C-alpha atoms as a PDB file:
ATOM      1  CA  MET A   1      84.731 212.656 168.728  1.00  0.00           C
ATOM      2  CA  LYS A   2      86.480 210.405 171.776  1.00  0.00           C
ATOM      3  CA  SER A   3      89.770 208.749 171.442  1.00  0.00           C
ATOM      4  CA  ILE A   4      91.808 205.473 171.560  1.00  0.00           C
ATOM      5  CA  ILE A   5      94.955 204.369 173.845  1.00  0.00           C
ATOM      6  CA  SER A   6      97.359 202.135 171.653  1.00  0.00           C
ATOM      7  CA  ILE A   7      99.098 200.039 174.061  1.00  0.00           C
ATOM      8  CA  GLN A   8     101.192 198.106 172.120  1.00  0.00           C
ATOM      9  CA  SER A   9     104.779 198.062 170.208  1.00  0.00           C
ATOM     10  CA  HIS A  10     106.721 201.135 168.597  1.00  0.00           C
ATOM     11  CA  VAL A  11     109.209 200.640 165.629  1.00  0.00           C
ATOM     12  CA  VAL A  12     110.989 204.339 164.566  1.00  0.00           C
ATOM     13  CA  TYR A  13     111.566 202.309 161.361  1.00  0.00           C
ATOM     14  CA  GLY A  14     109.337 201.456 159.805  1.00  0.00           C
ATOM     15  CA  HIS A  15     105.483 200.358 159.969  1.00  0.00           C
ATOM     16  CA  ALA A  16     104.642 198.222 162.701  1.00  0.00           C
ATOM     17  CA  GLY A  17     102.804 198.023 166.732  1.00  0.00           C
ATOM     18  CA  ASN A  18     101.581 201.612 166.864  1.00  0.00           C
ATOM     19  CA  SER A  19     104.329 202.789 164.589  1.00  0.00           C
ATOM     20  CA  SER A  20     101.068 201.186 162.446  1.00  0.00           C
ATOM     21  CA  VAL A  21      98.263 202.425 163.521  1.00  0.00           C
ATOM     22  CA  VAL A  22      98.179 205.540 164.601  1.00  0.00           C
ATOM     23  CA  PHE A  23      98.712 207.138 161.717  1.00  0.00           C
ATOM     24  CA  PRO A  24      95.888 205.738 160.307  1.00  0.00           C
ATOM     25  CA  ILE A  25      93.928 206.121 162.797  1.00  0.00           C
ATOM     26  CA  GLN A  26      94.182 210.124 162.584  1.00  0.00           C
ATOM     27  CA  ARG A  27      94.132 209.472 158.811  1.00  0.00           C
ATOM     28  CA  MET A  28      90.712 208.483 159.434  1.00  0.00           C
ATOM     29  CA  GLY A  29      89.646 211.193 162.331  1.00  0.00           C
ATOM     30  CA  LEU A  30      90.442 210.670 165.206  1.00  0.00           C
ATOM     31  CA  ASP A  31      92.974 211.301 168.339  1.00  0.00           C
ATOM     32  CA  VAL A  32      95.530 208.443 169.162  1.00  0.00           C
ATOM     33  CA  TRP A  33      97.192 208.409 172.887  1.00  0.00           C
ATOM     34  CA  PRO A  34     100.217 206.065 172.077  1.00  0.00           C
ATOM     35  CA  ILE A  35     101.782 203.733 175.133  1.00  0.00           C
ATOM     36  CA  HIS A  36     104.402 201.894 173.635  1.00  0.00           C
ATOM     37  CA  THR A  37     105.337 198.314 175.657  1.00  0.00           C
ATOM     38  CA  VAL A  38     108.522 197.918 173.799  1.00  0.00           C
ATOM     39  CA  GLN A  39     109.988 200.362 171.954  1.00  0.00           C
ATOM     40  CA  PHE A  40     113.086 199.260 168.490  1.00  0.00           C
ATOM     41  CA  SER A  41     115.578 200.646 165.902  1.00  0.00           C
ATOM     42  CA  ASN A  42     113.418 197.989 163.716  1.00  0.00           C
ATOM     43  CA  HIS A  43     110.952 195.262 163.794  1.00  0.00           C
ATOM     44  CA  THR A  44     112.216 192.381 163.958  1.00  0.00           C
ATOM     45  CA  GLN A  45     112.107 190.121 161.165  1.00  0.00           C
ATOM     46  CA  TYR A  46     116.208 192.587 159.866  1.00  0.00           C
ATOM     47  CA  GLU A  47     119.072 189.583 159.136  1.00  0.00           C
ATOM     48  CA  GLN A  48     120.684 192.085 160.201  1.00  0.00           C
ATOM     49  CA  GLY A  49     118.564 192.328 164.276  1.00  0.00           C
ATOM     50  CA  TRP A  50     117.890 195.257 166.255  1.00  0.00           C
ATOM     51  CA  THR A  51     118.087 197.892 169.283  1.00  0.00           C
ATOM     52  CA  GLY A  52     115.564 199.379 171.512  1.00  0.00           C
ATOM     53  CA  GLN A  53     114.212 198.088 175.400  1.00  0.00           C
ATOM     54  CA  THR A  54     111.709 196.914 176.996  1.00  0.00           C
ATOM     55  CA  PHE A  55     109.190 199.172 178.957  1.00  0.00           C
ATOM     56  CA  GLY A  56     108.057 197.244 182.093  1.00  0.00           C
ATOM     57  CA  SER A  57     103.831 196.987 183.178  1.00  0.00           C
ATOM     58  CA  ASP A  58     105.083 199.946 185.888  1.00  0.00           C
ATOM     59  CA  ASP A  59     105.906 202.155 182.626  1.00  0.00           C
ATOM     60  CA  ILE A  60     101.931 201.615 182.043  1.00  0.00           C
ATOM     61  CA  ARG A  61     100.534 201.492 185.619  1.00  0.00           C
ATOM     62  CA  ASN A  62     101.958 205.462 185.209  1.00  0.00           C
ATOM     63  CA  LEU A  63     101.942 206.485 182.171  1.00  0.00           C
ATOM     64  CA  ILE A  64      97.403 205.489 183.003  1.00  0.00           C
ATOM     65  CA  ARG A  65      97.958 207.595 186.243  1.00  0.00           C
ATOM     66  CA  GLY A  66      99.339 210.328 184.808  1.00  0.00           C
ATOM     67  CA  LEU A  67      96.151 210.917 182.415  1.00  0.00           C
ATOM     68  CA  ASP A  68      93.912 210.046 185.175  1.00  0.00           C
ATOM     69  CA  ASN A  69      95.700 212.769 186.461  1.00  0.00           C
ATOM     70  CA  ILE A  70      94.287 215.305 184.739  1.00  0.00           C
ATOM     71  CA  SER A  71      91.235 213.513 184.031  1.00  0.00           C
ATOM     72  CA  ALA A  72      91.548 212.530 180.474  1.00  0.00           C
ATOM     73  CA  LEU A  73      90.977 208.573 181.103  1.00  0.00           C
ATOM     74  CA  LYS A  74      86.569 209.876 180.554  1.00  0.00           C
ATOM     75  CA  ASP A  75      87.379 211.422 176.984  1.00  0.00           C
ATOM     76  CA  CYS A  76      89.197 208.117 176.056  1.00  0.00           C
ATOM     77  CA  GLY A  77      86.484 205.836 173.844  1.00  0.00           C
ATOM     78  CA  ALA A  78      88.248 203.133 172.940  1.00  0.00           C
ATOM     79  CA  VAL A  79      91.517 200.668 173.975  1.00  0.00           C
ATOM     80  CA  LEU A  80      93.322 199.116 171.241  1.00  0.00           C
ATOM     81  CA  SER A  81      95.639 196.845 172.496  1.00  0.00           C
ATOM     82  CA  GLY A  82      98.600 194.409 171.042  1.00  0.00           C
ATOM     83  CA  TYR A  83     101.473 193.692 171.557  1.00  0.00           C
ATOM     84  CA  GLN A  84     102.218 192.740 175.536  1.00  0.00           C
ATOM     85  CA  GLY A  85     106.236 191.377 176.504  1.00  0.00           C
ATOM     86  CA  SER A  86     104.995 189.729 179.787  1.00  0.00           C
ATOM     87  CA  ALA A  87     101.947 188.401 181.885  1.00  0.00           C
ATOM     88  CA  ASP A  88     102.529 191.551 183.836  1.00  0.00           C
ATOM     89  CA  GLN A  89     102.082 194.338 181.073  1.00  0.00           C
ATOM     90  CA  CYS A  90      98.974 192.016 179.928  1.00  0.00           C
ATOM     91  CA  LYS A  91      97.706 192.446 184.335  1.00  0.00           C
ATOM     92  CA  ALA A  92      98.458 196.642 183.518  1.00  0.00           C
ATOM     93  CA  VAL A  93      96.477 196.448 180.278  1.00  0.00           C
ATOM     94  CA  ALA A  94      93.146 194.974 181.951  1.00  0.00           C
ATOM     95  CA  GLU A  95      93.838 197.759 185.319  1.00  0.00           C
ATOM     96  CA  ALA A  96      94.380 200.120 182.308  1.00  0.00           C
ATOM     97  CA  VAL A  97      90.667 198.728 180.174  1.00  0.00           C
ATOM     98  CA  ASN A  98      88.679 198.257 184.079  1.00  0.00           C
ATOM     99  CA  LEU A  99      89.778 202.682 184.806  1.00  0.00           C
ATOM    100  CA  ILE A 100      89.612 203.427 181.681  1.00  0.00           C
ATOM    101  CA  LYS A 101      85.973 201.682 181.295  1.00  0.00           C
ATOM    102  CA  ASP A 102      85.050 202.955 184.751  1.00  0.00           C
ATOM    103  CA  LYS A 103      85.374 206.117 183.449  1.00  0.00           C
ATOM    104  CA  ASN A 104      84.126 206.239 180.564  1.00  0.00           C
ATOM    105  CA  HIS A 105      80.854 203.201 180.767  1.00  0.00           C
ATOM    106  CA  SER A 106      80.824 202.593 176.197  1.00  0.00           C
ATOM    107  CA  ALA A 107      84.600 202.641 175.905  1.00  0.00           C
ATOM    108  CA  LEU A 108      85.280 199.864 173.850  1.00  0.00           C
ATOM    109  CA  TYR A 109      88.201 197.477 174.876  1.00  0.00           C
ATOM    110  CA  ILE A 110      89.217 195.592 171.655  1.00  0.00           C
ATOM    111  CA  CYS A 111      91.993 193.414 171.726  1.00  0.00           C
ATOM    112  CA  ASP A 112      94.510 191.907 169.096  1.00  0.00           C
ATOM    113  CA  PRO A 113      96.259 188.701 171.081  1.00  0.00           C
ATOM    114  CA  VAL A 114      98.957 189.266 169.997  1.00  0.00           C
ATOM    115  CA  MET A 115     101.113 185.671 171.158  1.00  0.00           C
ATOM    116  CA  GLY A 116     104.123 185.636 168.892  1.00  0.00           C
ATOM    117  CA  ASP A 117     105.464 184.067 166.145  1.00  0.00           C
ATOM    118  CA  PRO A 118     109.177 182.425 167.032  1.00  0.00           C
ATOM    119  CA  ASP A 119     108.814 181.843 162.619  1.00  0.00           C
ATOM    120  CA  LYS A 120     108.967 186.655 162.337  1.00  0.00           C
ATOM    121  CA  GLY A 121     111.162 186.026 165.672  1.00  0.00           C
ATOM    122  CA  CYS A 122     108.258 187.849 167.748  1.00  0.00           C
ATOM    123  CA  ILE A 123     108.670 186.650 170.715  1.00  0.00           C
ATOM    124  CA  VAL A 124     106.757 186.822 174.005  1.00  0.00           C
ATOM    125  CA  ASP A 125     107.429 185.173 177.864  1.00  0.00           C
ATOM    126  CA  ASP A 126     105.521 181.750 178.337  1.00  0.00           C
ATOM    127  CA  GLY A 127     103.285 183.088 180.959  1.00  0.00           C
ATOM    128  CA  VAL A 128     101.425 186.189 178.092  1.00  0.00           C
ATOM    129  CA  LYS A 129      99.517 183.549 176.167  1.00  0.00           C
ATOM    130  CA  ALA A 130      97.172 182.548 179.656  1.00  0.00           C
ATOM    131  CA  ALA A 131      97.477 185.632 180.774  1.00  0.00           C
ATOM    132  CA  ILE A 132      95.721 186.820 177.647  1.00  0.00           C
ATOM    133  CA  ALA A 133      93.344 184.365 178.480  1.00  0.00           C
ATOM    134  CA  GLN A 134      92.861 185.129 181.780  1.00  0.00           C
ATOM    135  CA  HIS A 135      92.715 188.230 182.259  1.00  0.00           C
ATOM    136  CA  LEU A 136      92.783 190.759 178.568  1.00  0.00           C
ATOM    137  CA  LEU A 137      90.487 187.531 177.194  1.00  0.00           C
ATOM    138  CA  PRO A 138      87.021 188.204 179.636  1.00  0.00           C
ATOM    139  CA  ILE A 139      87.229 192.197 179.509  1.00  0.00           C
ATOM    140  CA  ALA A 140      87.621 192.477 175.749  1.00  0.00           C
ATOM    141  CA  ASP A 141      84.161 193.517 174.140  1.00  0.00           C
ATOM    142  CA  VAL A 142      86.157 192.729 170.722  1.00  0.00           C
ATOM    143  CA  ILE A 143      89.414 190.262 169.941  1.00  0.00           C
ATOM    144  CA  VAL A 144      91.712 190.150 166.650  1.00  0.00           C
ATOM    145  CA  PRO A 145      93.707 187.472 167.106  1.00  0.00           C
ATOM    146  CA  ASN A 146      94.962 185.351 163.582  1.00  0.00           C
ATOM    147  CA  GLN A 147      94.004 182.132 163.292  1.00  0.00           C
ATOM    148  CA  PHE A 148      96.835 180.771 164.692  1.00  0.00           C
ATOM    149  CA  GLU A 149      96.151 183.058 168.151  1.00  0.00           C
ATOM    150  CA  LEU A 150      92.272 182.117 167.700  1.00  0.00           C
ATOM    151  CA  SER A 151      93.340 177.645 167.984  1.00  0.00           C
ATOM    152  CA  GLU A 152      95.336 178.748 171.586  1.00  0.00           C
ATOM    153  CA  LEU A 153      93.049 180.463 172.646  1.00  0.00           C
ATOM    154  CA  THR A 154      89.766 178.066 171.706  1.00  0.00           C
ATOM    155  CA  GLY A 155      91.393 175.170 172.163  1.00  0.00           C
ATOM    156  CA  THR A 156      90.207 174.644 168.854  1.00  0.00           C
ATOM    157  CA  LYS A 157      92.519 172.723 165.387  1.00  0.00           C
ATOM    158  CA  ILE A 158      91.301 175.334 162.301  1.00  0.00           C
ATOM    159  CA  HIS A 159      91.552 173.685 158.978  1.00  0.00           C
ATOM    160  CA  SER A 160      89.097 174.530 157.448  1.00  0.00           C
ATOM    161  CA  LEU A 161      86.605 177.815 157.371  1.00  0.00           C
ATOM    162  CA  TYR A 162      84.144 174.828 159.289  1.00  0.00           C
ATOM    163  CA  ASP A 163      86.282 174.581 161.892  1.00  0.00           C
ATOM    164  CA  ALA A 164      87.467 178.538 161.736  1.00  0.00           C
ATOM    165  CA  VAL A 165      83.101 179.534 162.755  1.00  0.00           C
ATOM    166  CA  THR A 166      82.943 176.897 164.940  1.00  0.00           C
ATOM    167  CA  ALA A 167      86.406 178.147 166.923  1.00  0.00           C
ATOM    168  CA  CYS A 168      84.607 181.933 166.821  1.00  0.00           C
ATOM    169  CA  LYS A 169      81.638 180.341 168.636  1.00  0.00           C
ATOM    170  CA  LYS A 170      84.037 179.027 171.505  1.00  0.00           C
ATOM    171  CA  ALA A 171      85.903 182.708 171.597  1.00  0.00           C
ATOM    172  CA  LEU A 172      82.712 184.550 172.293  1.00  0.00           C
ATOM    173  CA  GLU A 173      81.036 182.390 174.709  1.00  0.00           C
ATOM    174  CA  LEU A 174      84.773 183.368 176.763  1.00  0.00           C
ATOM    175  CA  GLY A 175      83.273 186.964 176.630  1.00  0.00           C
ATOM    176  CA  PRO A 176      83.972 189.223 173.479  1.00  0.00           C
ATOM    177  CA  LYS A 177      80.981 190.758 171.701  1.00  0.00           C
ATOM    178  CA  MET A 178      83.294 190.387 168.456  1.00  0.00           C
ATOM    179  CA  VAL A 179      85.703 187.822 166.942  1.00  0.00           C
ATOM    180  CA  LEU A 180      87.751 189.687 163.629  1.00  0.00           C
ATOM    181  CA  VAL A 181      89.810 186.418 162.202  1.00  0.00           C
ATOM    182  CA  LYS A 182      92.992 188.347 160.615  1.00  0.00           C
ATOM    183  CA  HIS A 183      94.045 185.972 159.176  1.00  0.00           C
ATOM    184  CA  LEU A 184      92.765 181.833 157.782  1.00  0.00           C
ATOM    185  CA  HIS A 185      95.816 181.154 156.492  1.00  0.00           C
ATOM    186  CA  SER A 186      94.291 177.397 156.101  1.00  0.00           C
ATOM    187  CA  LEU A 187      91.933 178.372 153.354  1.00  0.00           C
ATOM    188  CA  PRO A 188      93.546 178.737 149.229  1.00  0.00           C
ATOM    189  CA  ASP A 189      96.230 180.598 148.652  1.00  0.00           C
ATOM    190  CA  ASP A 190      94.358 182.642 145.806  1.00  0.00           C
ATOM    191  CA  ALA A 191      92.684 185.213 148.661  1.00  0.00           C
ATOM    192  CA  PHE A 192      93.919 185.897 151.833  1.00  0.00           C
ATOM    193  CA  SER A 193      90.142 185.480 154.240  1.00  0.00           C
ATOM    194  CA  MET A 194      89.657 186.783 157.093  1.00  0.00           C
ATOM    195  CA  ILE A 195      85.744 186.559 159.014  1.00  0.00           C
ATOM    196  CA  LEU A 196      83.564 188.860 161.651  1.00  0.00           C
ATOM    197  CA  ALA A 197      82.210 187.225 163.637  1.00  0.00           C
ATOM    198  CA  THR A 198      79.373 188.878 165.925  1.00  0.00           C
ATOM    199  CA  LYS A 199      76.546 187.093 168.123  1.00  0.00           C
ATOM    200  CA  LYS A 200      74.686 187.091 165.683  1.00  0.00           C
ATOM    201  CA  ALA A 201      76.283 186.192 162.317  1.00  0.00           C
ATOM    202  CA  CYS A 202      79.238 185.246 161.126  1.00  0.00           C
ATOM    203  CA  TYR A 203      80.989 187.148 157.820  1.00  0.00           C
ATOM    204  CA  LEU A 204      83.789 186.097 155.423  1.00  0.00           C
ATOM    205  CA  ALA A 205      85.925 188.943 153.874  1.00  0.00           C
ATOM    206  CA  GLN A 206      88.421 187.615 151.383  1.00  0.00           C
ATOM    207  CA  ARG A 207      90.617 190.194 148.974  1.00  0.00           C
ATOM    208  CA  PRO A 208      93.575 188.748 145.865  1.00  0.00           C
ATOM    209  CA  ASN A 209      96.475 187.244 147.835  1.00  0.00           C
ATOM    210  CA  ILE A 210      99.530 189.425 146.954  1.00  0.00           C
ATOM    211  CA  GLU A 211     103.097 187.979 147.280  1.00  0.00           C
ATOM    212  CA  PHE A 212     105.855 189.223 148.151  1.00  0.00           C
ATOM    213  CA  ASP A 213     109.334 188.127 148.705  1.00  0.00           C
ATOM    214  CA  LYS A 214     109.966 188.921 152.282  1.00  0.00           C
ATOM    215  CA  GLN A 215     105.789 189.174 153.870  1.00  0.00           C
ATOM    216  CA  PRO A 216     105.289 192.908 155.215  1.00  0.00           C
ATOM    217  CA  VAL A 217     105.131 193.272 159.147  1.00  0.00           C
ATOM    218  CA  GLY A 218     102.788 195.097 160.949  1.00  0.00           C
ATOM    219  CA  VAL A 219      99.324 193.470 158.205  1.00  0.00           C
ATOM    220  CA  GLY A 220      97.738 192.862 161.507  1.00  0.00           C
ATOM    221  CA  ASP A 221      97.792 195.989 164.033  1.00  0.00           C
ATOM    222  CA  LEU A 222      96.432 197.862 161.055  1.00  0.00           C
ATOM    223  CA  ILE A 223      93.979 194.936 160.308  1.00  0.00           C
ATOM    224  CA  SER A 224      93.668 196.216 164.430  1.00  0.00           C
ATOM    225  CA  GLY A 225      93.360 199.753 163.845  1.00  0.00           C
ATOM    226  CA  ILE A 226      91.576 200.700 161.029  1.00  0.00           C
ATOM    227  CA  PHE A 227      88.773 198.484 162.328  1.00  0.00           C
ATOM    228  CA  THR A 228      88.721 199.964 166.253  1.00  0.00           C
ATOM    229  CA  ALA A 229      88.228 203.339 163.915  1.00  0.00           C
ATOM    230  CA  GLY A 230      85.456 202.518 162.317  1.00  0.00           C
ATOM    231  CA  LEU A 231      83.358 201.066 164.966  1.00  0.00           C
ATOM    232  CA  MET A 232      84.192 204.694 166.637  1.00  0.00           C
ATOM    233  CA  LYS A 233      83.532 206.833 164.192  1.00  0.00           C
ATOM    234  CA  LYS A 234      80.068 204.664 164.264  1.00  0.00           C
ATOM    235  CA  MET A 235      80.526 202.518 161.627  1.00  0.00           C
ATOM    236  CA  SER A 236      78.504 199.566 162.023  1.00  0.00           C
ATOM    237  CA  PRO A 237      80.901 196.124 162.554  1.00  0.00           C
ATOM    238  CA  VAL A 238      80.226 194.942 159.311  1.00  0.00           C
ATOM    239  CA  ALA A 239      81.391 198.098 156.838  1.00  0.00           C
ATOM    240  CA  ALA A 240      84.014 198.900 159.763  1.00  0.00           C
ATOM    241  CA  PHE A 241      85.380 194.705 158.826  1.00  0.00           C
ATOM    242  CA  ARG A 242      85.044 195.341 154.982  1.00  0.00           C
ATOM    243  CA  HIS A 243      86.842 198.719 155.196  1.00  0.00           C
ATOM    244  CA  ALA A 244      89.385 197.817 156.701  1.00  0.00           C
ATOM    245  CA  ASN A 245      89.749 194.782 154.157  1.00  0.00           C
ATOM    246  CA  ASN A 246      89.846 197.421 151.556  1.00  0.00           C
ATOM    247  CA  ALA A 247      91.814 199.718 153.228  1.00  0.00           C
ATOM    248  CA  VAL A 248      94.990 198.063 153.396  1.00  0.00           C
ATOM    249  CA  TYR A 249      94.663 195.127 149.803  1.00  0.00           C
ATOM    250  CA  GLY A 250      95.433 198.893 149.169  1.00  0.00           C
ATOM    251  CA  VAL A 251      98.038 200.004 151.508  1.00  0.00           C
ATOM    252  CA  LEU A 252      99.430 195.850 150.837  1.00  0.00           C
ATOM    253  CA  GLU A 253      99.149 197.010 146.977  1.00  0.00           C
ATOM    254  CA  LEU A 254     101.148 200.497 146.734  1.00  0.00           C
ATOM    255  CA  THR A 255     103.967 198.401 148.691  1.00  0.00           C
ATOM    256  CA  LYS A 256     103.996 195.312 146.606  1.00  0.00           C
ATOM    257  CA  SER A 257     104.253 198.293 143.523  1.00  0.00           C
ATOM    258  CA  TYR A 258     107.472 199.984 145.755  1.00  0.00           C
ATOM    259  CA  GLY A 259     109.485 196.499 146.155  1.00  0.00           C
ATOM    260  CA  THR A 260     109.749 196.888 149.831  1.00  0.00           C
ATOM    261  CA  TRP A 261     107.925 195.229 152.541  1.00  0.00           C
ATOM    262  CA  GLU A 262     107.764 198.200 154.842  1.00  0.00           C
ATOM    263  CA  LEU A 263     104.451 199.190 154.088  1.00  0.00           C
ATOM    264  CA  GLN A 264     103.985 202.557 152.842  1.00  0.00           C
ATOM    265  CA  THR A 265     101.182 204.173 155.206  1.00  0.00           C
ATOM    266  CA  ILE A 266     102.364 207.855 154.123  1.00  0.00           C
ATOM    267  CA  ASN A 267     102.026 206.227 150.261  1.00  0.00           C
ATOM    268  CA  ALA A 268      98.658 204.766 150.257  1.00  0.00           C
ATOM    269  CA  GLN A 269      97.069 207.217 153.354  1.00  0.00           C
ATOM    270  CA  TYR A 270      94.000 207.955 151.438  1.00  0.00           C
ATOM    271  CA  GLU A 271      92.968 203.952 151.349  1.00  0.00           C
ATOM    272  CA  PHE A 272      92.429 204.421 155.014  1.00  0.00           C
ATOM    273  CA  VAL A 273      89.345 207.531 154.034  1.00  0.00           C
ATOM    274  CA  GLU A 274      88.410 205.744 151.147  1.00  0.00           C
ATOM    275  CA  PRO A 275      89.082 202.766 149.630  1.00  0.00           C
ATOM    276  CA  THR A 276      90.419 202.483 145.795  1.00  0.00           C
ATOM    277  CA  HIS A 277      89.032 198.669 145.727  1.00  0.00           C
ATOM    278  CA  ASP A 278      84.846 197.299 147.092  1.00  0.00           C
ATOM    279  CA  PHE A 279      86.139 193.740 147.555  1.00  0.00           C
ATOM    280  CA  ASN A 280      82.469 191.911 148.590  1.00  0.00           C
ATOM    281  CA  VAL A 281      81.258 190.815 152.373  1.00  0.00           C
ATOM    282  CA  VAL A 282      79.903 187.538 152.564  1.00  0.00           C
ATOM    283  CA  LYS A 283      77.363 186.034 155.686  1.00  0.00           C
ATOM    284  CA  ILE A 284      78.305 182.494 156.398  1.00  0.00           C
ATOM    285  CA  ALA A 285      77.287 181.425 159.119  1.00  0.00           C
END
């Protein structure tokens, strides 16, 4: 089975970015080749701060060049990208995707278009939004935005489920074959809602909303990773969507029981293989 290259942030302590996706994908039986865009001691919501470093776009290029040198890129079946700290990092990701697709025409590109959330301490350069729209969106097979990112990419204000479906359809016209909206916060708070949109239909998945004193970080990364792994394991898009929703809920449920806000990825590892819960997915358009 082909491997997955994951290009996004990394934390030493906890589970966010690559630290949130690598093990779950491995637990689902797939090899992951992580490339870090930043390496921090911990995620950025800690009041005490964090330490670490940002890697440059040439670091991405050099690692891809090294993989190409040993003829490994033909064995890559998917590229998953998340947090990119600069516009040039986005360009480097686009170059990597194009090279990998040249080596393996069936390779998928799944883009989590992280645009920053100052309230969560997630900051990206001003040019990142434009770079995602210009360089990454047109070549992506799948995008996994949250509601804010979907709104930004499509220029659509989202206040309802109808608005979200409309925005998804607009996004599909920009290049991707699938859109997975990993959180629709405009819908009622008693449920956590996600949408999967394909060229043929739109689907809604909901799960109970678990309240935390501090919201866990890395949940969106986890959704992207599990969905990517599902596609690579030849699940249908709807089955992979359902599996991701069920598995993530199980992880959050266990995390809540431990009284922590750091995702209990290791303790909940069985969720990635056989989720405890099974929530319905409903066709809505």
